[in-house]
Amino acid sequence: MLTGGTGSFGRRFTERLLKHHQPRALRIFSRDELKQLEMEKAYRDPRLRFFLGDVRDRDRLMRAATGADIIVHAAALKQVPACEYNPIEAVKTNILGAANIIDAAIDRQVKHVLALSTDKAVNPVNLYGATKLCAEKLFIQGNSYAGGVETRFACVRYGNVVGSRGSVVPMFRDAAKTGSEITLTDERMTRFWITLDKGVDFVLSCTARMRGGEIFVPKIPSMKLVDLAEAVAPKCPRKIVGIRPGEKLHEVLLTEDESRHAQEFPDRYLIEPEHPWWGLTEGAPEGTRLPANFRYASDNNPEWLSVPELQAMLAE
């Protein structure tokens, strides 16, 4: 079952799951009937099931989760300004919705639940990030709520997705078509960047690897916003408008405090929970312990995207 299944991530997840894996069924859970209809026409796959519903509705989640083996929770309110202006709505969807997913998964004995998070959840400076931080805590602690039930919860935390709804890429591309001015908040700004395909593949790998309680962080490149503007709209004039409320110069995916209970693998970091039930991961592959005060941030990342690399990524 995939919540938020008609969004950018959901559509690509559906495409790759049906093409490269063999699910008996994939349940698309979302609020948008038109987008569900469009997906049904686009894929025409008998394995797809479409469930209209809202993660705020616990009873509907209970029914939709019945018989599911895995839940990937991608539904959220993600627009930072919208969450600031409608804070209670963000709390209802991102926090109370997460609690409803946890209840439904435990009561219906779903084996694995993987929630999508964001770098905005790390040391949050806006409400969206704060709600996602709270959701992370709920999902990790959901393992203790499960008790003797086999349901296990984990999270995936990564950065901005190239070309997703709400990213600056579509806005820059529109400006490039007309040669109109684009705005940048600060020339020093950096961000983590990942493609939809890599994000989906990482999530799929985590559903197979999770044992309960982990936060998985992929190793992904950083980029400067000025380089993104150069890659997408090189001929457009630019205006520096200053950093916006609730925005950071640089994002963090792994803090110094989290690094004390984290491991490094070739393609990812794994943040362990600081809870007594972590023993249920015994037998899992062991990575490398991180050095003291390690911090994985978009400004100290050893991997950077050049303008040609950005253009190649955007072409995908």
Protein backbone atom coordinates (compact mmCIF):
# COMPACT_ATOMS: atom_id res chain seq x y z
CA MET A 1 0.00 0.00 0.00
CA LEU A 2 1.32 3.40 -1.02
CA THR A 3 -0.09 6.54 0.62
CA GLY A 4 0.19 9.72 -1.41
CA GLY A 5 0.32 7.41 -4.38
CA THR A 6 -0.71 9.97 -7.01
CA GLY A 7 2.14 12.41 -6.29
CA SER A 8 5.48 12.69 -8.11
CA PHE A 9 7.11 10.00 -5.98
CA GLY A 10 4.01 7.81 -6.03
CA ARG A 11 3.72 7.68 -9.81
CA ARG A 12 7.40 6.86 -10.31
CA PHE A 13 7.30 4.31 -7.47
CA THR A 14 4.30 2.65 -9.12
CA GLU A 15 6.01 2.59 -12.51
CA ARG A 16 9.21 1.00 -11.24
CA LEU A 17 7.51 -1.45 -8.88
CA LEU A 18 5.23 -2.82 -11.59
CA LYS A 19 8.04 -2.97 -14.16
CA HIS A 20 10.89 -4.42 -12.12
CA HIS A 21 9.16 -6.31 -9.30
CA GLN A 22 6.23 -8.67 -8.99
CA PRO A 23 3.75 -7.36 -6.41
CA ARG A 24 0.52 -9.33 -6.15
CA ALA A 25 -1.24 -5.99 -5.80
CA LEU A 26 -0.35 -2.34 -5.27
CA ARG A 27 -2.87 -0.18 -3.44
CA ILE A 28 -2.78 3.51 -4.32
CA PHE A 29 -4.17 5.50 -1.40
CA SER A 30 -4.79 9.21 -2.01
CA ARG A 31 -7.40 11.98 -1.91
CA ASP A 32 -7.41 12.95 -5.58
CA GLU A 33 -9.96 11.04 -7.67
CA LEU A 34 -8.92 12.72 -10.93
CA LYS A 35 -5.26 11.78 -10.52
CA GLN A 36 -6.27 8.23 -9.63
CA LEU A 37 -8.30 8.05 -12.83
CA GLU A 38 -5.36 9.38 -14.83
CA MET A 39 -3.05 6.78 -13.27
CA GLU A 40 -5.51 4.00 -13.97
CA LYS A 41 -5.68 5.00 -17.65
CA ALA A 42 -1.91 5.46 -17.92
CA TYR A 43 -0.87 2.12 -16.45
CA ARG A 44 -3.83 -0.18 -17.14
CA ASP A 45 -2.40 -2.84 -14.86
CA PRO A 46 -4.72 -5.32 -13.10
CA ARG A 47 -2.43 -5.34 -10.08
CA LEU A 48 -3.32 -1.74 -9.25
CA ARG A 49 -6.01 -0.98 -6.67
CA PHE A 50 -7.20 2.58 -6.11
CA PHE A 51 -8.40 3.67 -2.66
CA LEU A 52 -9.84 7.14 -2.17
CA GLY A 53 -9.09 8.35 1.33
CA ASP A 54 -7.21 10.71 3.58
CA VAL A 55 -4.53 9.75 6.10
CA ARG A 56 -6.46 11.85 8.59
CA ASP A 57 -9.23 9.23 8.42
CA ARG A 58 -8.17 6.39 10.70
CA ASP A 59 -11.13 4.15 9.87
CA ARG A 60 -10.48 4.39 6.14
CA LEU A 61 -6.81 3.52 6.69
CA MET A 62 -7.86 0.49 8.73
CA ARG A 63 -9.91 -0.82 5.83
CA ALA A 64 -7.28 0.01 3.19
CA ALA A 65 -4.44 -1.64 5.14
CA THR A 66 -6.25 -4.94 5.64
CA GLY A 67 -4.13 -7.72 4.14
CA ALA A 68 -1.24 -5.46 3.11
CA ASP A 69 2.32 -6.74 3.64
CA ILE A 70 4.12 -3.41 3.23
CA ILE A 71 3.08 0.23 3.60
CA VAL A 72 5.17 3.00 2.06
CA HIS A 73 3.95 6.26 3.57
CA ALA A 74 4.57 9.16 1.18
CA ALA A 75 1.47 11.28 1.85
CA ALA A 76 2.22 14.70 3.37
CA LEU A 77 1.68 18.40 3.08
CA LYS A 78 5.08 19.48 1.77
CA GLN A 79 4.93 23.14 0.71
CA VAL A 80 6.77 25.19 3.32
CA PRO A 81 4.77 28.45 2.86
CA ALA A 82 1.45 26.58 2.82
CA CYS A 83 2.32 24.78 6.05
CA GLU A 84 3.33 28.06 7.69
CA TYR A 85 0.04 29.67 6.68
CA ASN A 86 -2.07 26.60 7.55
CA PRO A 87 -0.22 25.13 10.53
CA ILE A 88 -3.09 23.11 12.00
CA GLU A 89 -3.71 21.46 8.62
CA ALA A 90 -0.04 20.47 8.43
CA VAL A 91 -0.24 18.97 11.92
CA LYS A 92 -3.40 17.02 11.05
CA THR A 93 -1.88 15.47 7.93
CA ASN A 94 1.81 15.11 8.77
CA ILE A 95 1.59 14.23 12.48
CA LEU A 96 -1.89 12.88 13.20
CA GLY A 97 -1.87 11.16 9.81
CA ALA A 98 1.38 9.43 10.79
CA ALA A 99 -0.20 8.26 14.04
CA ASN A 100 -3.15 6.86 12.09
CA ILE A 101 -0.80 4.93 9.80
CA ILE A 102 0.92 3.45 12.84
CA ASP A 103 -2.39 2.39 14.43
CA ALA A 104 -3.70 0.88 11.20
CA ALA A 105 -0.47 -1.01 10.53
CA ILE A 106 -0.32 -2.53 14.02
CA ASP A 107 -4.02 -3.41 14.17
CA ARG A 108 -3.92 -4.99 10.68
CA GLN A 109 -0.52 -6.60 11.38
CA VAL A 110 1.23 -5.13 8.35
CA LYS A 111 4.79 -6.48 8.44
CA HIS A 112 6.82 -3.49 7.23
CA VAL A 113 6.05 0.23 7.24
CA LEU A 114 8.50 2.68 5.70
CA ALA A 115 7.85 6.43 6.00
CA LEU A 116 9.40 9.09 3.77
CA SER A 117 11.03 12.00 5.57
CA THR A 118 13.13 14.98 4.54
CA ASP A 119 16.27 16.92 5.40
CA LYS A 120 13.88 19.68 6.57
CA ALA A 121 13.19 17.48 9.63
CA VAL A 122 16.77 17.95 10.88
CA ASN A 123 17.06 20.92 13.24
CA PRO A 124 13.84 22.34 11.72
CA VAL A 125 13.37 26.07 11.24
CA ASN A 126 9.87 25.85 9.76
CA LEU A 127 6.64 24.10 10.66
CA TYR A 128 6.85 21.62 7.81
CA GLY A 129 10.22 20.40 9.08
CA ALA A 130 8.91 20.26 12.64
CA THR A 131 5.94 18.10 11.62
CA LYS A 132 8.23 15.72 9.74
CA LEU A 133 10.58 15.52 12.72
CA CYS A 134 7.62 14.60 14.91
CA ALA A 135 6.47 12.03 12.34
CA GLU A 136 9.95 10.45 12.35
CA LYS A 137 9.84 10.13 16.13
CA LEU A 138 6.37 8.58 15.99
CA PHE A 139 7.35 6.00 13.40
CA ILE A 140 10.55 4.98 15.18
CA GLN A 141 8.75 4.66 18.50
CA GLY A 142 5.93 2.80 16.75
CA ASN A 143 8.13 -0.28 17.08
CA SER A 144 7.61 -0.25 20.85
CA TYR A 145 3.84 0.21 20.37
CA ALA A 146 3.77 -2.90 18.20
CA GLY A 147 4.67 -5.07 21.16
CA GLY A 148 4.40 -8.74 20.22
CA VAL A 149 2.97 -7.97 16.78
CA GLU A 150 5.47 -8.41 13.93
CA THR A 151 4.86 -4.91 12.52
CA ARG A 152 8.11 -2.97 12.07
CA PHE A 153 8.57 0.73 11.31
CA ALA A 154 11.47 2.64 9.74
CA CYS A 155 12.09 5.93 7.93
CA VAL A 156 13.94 7.15 4.85
CA ARG A 157 15.34 10.68 4.98
CA TYR A 158 16.66 12.43 1.88
CA GLY A 159 16.88 15.82 0.16
CA ASN A 160 15.27 17.67 -2.73
CA VAL A 161 13.95 15.61 -5.63
CA VAL A 162 14.82 16.78 -9.13
CA GLY A 163 11.74 17.85 -11.05
CA SER A 164 9.18 17.00 -8.38
CA ARG A 165 6.20 19.24 -7.81
CA GLY A 166 7.33 22.19 -5.72
CA SER A 167 10.98 22.09 -6.78
CA VAL A 168 12.51 25.14 -8.43
CA VAL A 169 13.35 23.22 -11.60
CA PRO A 170 9.95 23.63 -13.31
CA MET A 171 9.95 27.33 -12.40
CA PHE A 172 13.45 27.82 -13.85
CA ARG A 173 12.49 25.88 -16.99
CA ASP A 174 9.45 28.09 -17.55
CA ALA A 175 11.65 31.18 -17.19
CA ALA A 176 14.16 29.72 -19.65
CA LYS A 177 11.48 29.42 -22.33
CA THR A 178 10.70 33.14 -22.18
CA GLY A 179 14.03 34.51 -20.98
CA SER A 180 12.33 36.10 -17.99
CA GLU A 181 14.03 36.95 -14.73
CA ILE A 182 14.56 34.28 -12.08
CA THR A 183 14.94 34.93 -8.38
CA LEU A 184 17.55 33.42 -6.08
CA THR A 185 17.47 33.87 -2.33
CA ASP A 186 21.20 33.65 -1.61
CA GLU A 187 24.19 32.83 -3.82
CA ARG A 188 25.77 30.76 -1.04
CA MET A 189 22.79 28.40 -0.73
CA THR A 190 23.38 24.64 -1.16
CA ARG A 191 21.03 21.67 -1.23
CA PHE A 192 21.12 17.89 -1.41
CA TRP A 193 19.74 16.59 -4.69
CA ILE A 194 18.36 13.21 -5.79
CA THR A 195 16.46 11.99 -8.86
CA LEU A 196 13.05 10.39 -8.58
CA ASP A 197 14.39 7.07 -9.87
CA LYS A 198 17.19 6.98 -7.32
CA GLY A 199 14.80 7.98 -4.55
CA VAL A 200 12.39 5.20 -5.48
CA ASP A 201 15.17 2.61 -5.79
CA PHE A 202 16.55 3.64 -2.40
CA VAL A 203 13.14 3.28 -0.77
CA LEU A 204 12.66 -0.15 -2.33
CA SER A 205 16.06 -1.28 -1.08
CA CYS A 206 15.19 -0.09 2.43
CA THR A 207 11.91 -2.03 2.53
CA ALA A 208 13.97 -5.19 1.98
CA ARG A 209 16.69 -4.21 4.44
CA MET A 210 14.73 -2.71 7.34
CA ARG A 211 14.36 -4.54 10.61
CA GLY A 212 12.61 -1.79 12.56
CA GLY A 213 13.73 1.49 14.09
CA GLU A 214 16.20 2.69 11.46
CA ILE A 215 16.41 6.01 9.67
CA PHE A 216 18.09 5.40 6.31
CA VAL A 217 20.00 8.29 4.73
CA PRO A 218 21.33 7.89 1.17
CA LYS A 219 24.68 9.29 0.10
CA ILE A 220 23.63 11.87 -2.47
CA PRO A 221 25.39 14.84 -4.09
CA SER A 222 25.11 18.48 -3.13
CA MET A 223 24.66 21.40 -5.51
CA LYS A 224 24.74 25.16 -5.37
CA LEU A 225 21.52 26.92 -6.31
CA VAL A 226 23.46 29.25 -8.58
CA ASP A 227 24.77 26.21 -10.47
CA LEU A 228 21.22 24.90 -10.84
CA ALA A 229 20.16 28.24 -12.31
CA GLU A 230 23.12 28.08 -14.70
CA ALA A 231 22.23 24.53 -15.74
CA VAL A 232 18.53 25.18 -16.34
CA ALA A 233 18.28 28.83 -17.33
CA PRO A 234 21.76 30.10 -18.24
CA LYS A 235 20.53 33.08 -20.28
CA CYS A 236 17.97 34.37 -17.80
CA PRO A 237 18.76 37.45 -15.69
CA ARG A 238 18.92 36.76 -11.95
CA LYS A 239 17.77 38.73 -8.97
CA ILE A 240 18.97 38.03 -5.41
CA VAL A 241 16.02 38.55 -3.06
CA GLY A 242 17.44 37.36 0.26
CA ILE A 243 16.76 34.25 2.29
CA ARG A 244 13.07 33.62 2.98
CA PRO A 245 11.45 32.98 6.37
CA GLY A 246 11.75 29.34 7.39
CA GLU A 247 14.63 28.69 4.99
CA LYS A 248 18.22 27.59 5.65
CA LEU A 249 21.40 28.35 3.75
CA HIS A 250 22.41 24.69 3.97
CA GLU A 251 20.53 21.49 4.82
CA VAL A 252 21.64 18.65 7.10
CA LEU A 253 20.83 14.95 6.71
CA LEU A 254 22.78 13.63 9.69
CA THR A 255 23.64 15.62 12.82
CA GLU A 256 26.59 15.33 15.19
CA ASP A 257 24.30 13.91 17.88
CA GLU A 258 22.82 11.30 15.54
CA SER A 259 26.25 10.26 14.28
CA ARG A 260 27.03 8.82 17.72
CA HIS A 261 24.53 6.04 17.04
CA ALA A 262 24.85 5.73 13.28
CA GLN A 263 26.70 3.47 10.87
CA GLU A 264 28.18 4.14 7.44
CA PHE A 265 27.73 1.83 4.46
CA PRO A 266 29.04 2.32 0.90
CA ASP A 267 25.79 3.89 -0.34
CA ARG A 268 24.08 5.12 2.84
CA TYR A 269 24.08 5.99 6.50
CA LEU A 270 21.94 4.10 8.98
CA ILE A 271 20.80 5.95 12.11
CA GLU A 272 19.98 3.57 14.92
CA PRO A 273 17.34 4.42 17.51
CA GLU A 274 18.36 4.92 21.13
CA HIS A 275 15.79 2.49 22.50
CA PRO A 276 16.00 -0.83 24.33
CA TRP A 277 14.19 -2.79 21.60
CA TRP A 278 16.98 -2.13 19.09
CA GLY A 279 18.13 -5.69 19.78
CA LEU A 280 15.57 -6.89 17.26
CA THR A 281 18.06 -5.96 14.53
CA GLU A 282 20.62 -8.50 15.69
CA GLY A 283 22.17 -10.27 12.75
CA ALA A 284 21.90 -7.23 10.48
CA PRO A 285 24.96 -6.28 8.38
CA GLU A 286 27.44 -4.15 10.33
CA GLY A 287 28.72 -0.91 8.88
CA THR A 288 31.46 1.45 9.98
CA ARG A 289 31.00 3.61 13.05
CA LEU A 290 31.26 7.33 12.38
CA PRO A 291 33.95 9.58 13.89
CA ALA A 292 33.14 11.97 16.71
CA ASN A 293 31.25 15.12 15.69
CA PHE A 294 30.55 13.80 12.20
CA ARG A 295 27.98 15.90 10.35
CA TYR A 296 26.53 15.21 6.91
CA ALA A 297 25.42 18.54 5.47
CA SER A 298 24.96 20.00 2.01
CA ASP A 299 27.89 22.40 2.48
CA ASN A 300 30.45 19.83 3.73
CA ASN A 301 29.44 17.02 1.38
CA PRO A 302 32.43 15.49 -0.46
CA GLU A 303 30.25 14.88 -3.54
CA TRP A 304 29.18 17.90 -5.63
CA LEU A 305 27.24 18.20 -8.88
CA SER A 306 28.83 20.24 -11.65
CA VAL A 307 26.73 22.16 -14.18
CA PRO A 308 27.17 19.44 -16.88
CA GLU A 309 26.26 16.74 -14.34
CA LEU A 310 23.19 18.72 -13.33
CA GLN A 311 22.15 19.03 -16.94
CA ALA A 312 22.57 15.29 -17.47
CA MET A 313 20.54 14.56 -14.34
CA LEU A 314 17.79 16.95 -15.44
CA ALA A 315 17.69 15.28 -18.85
CA GLU A 316 16.62 12.06 -17.15
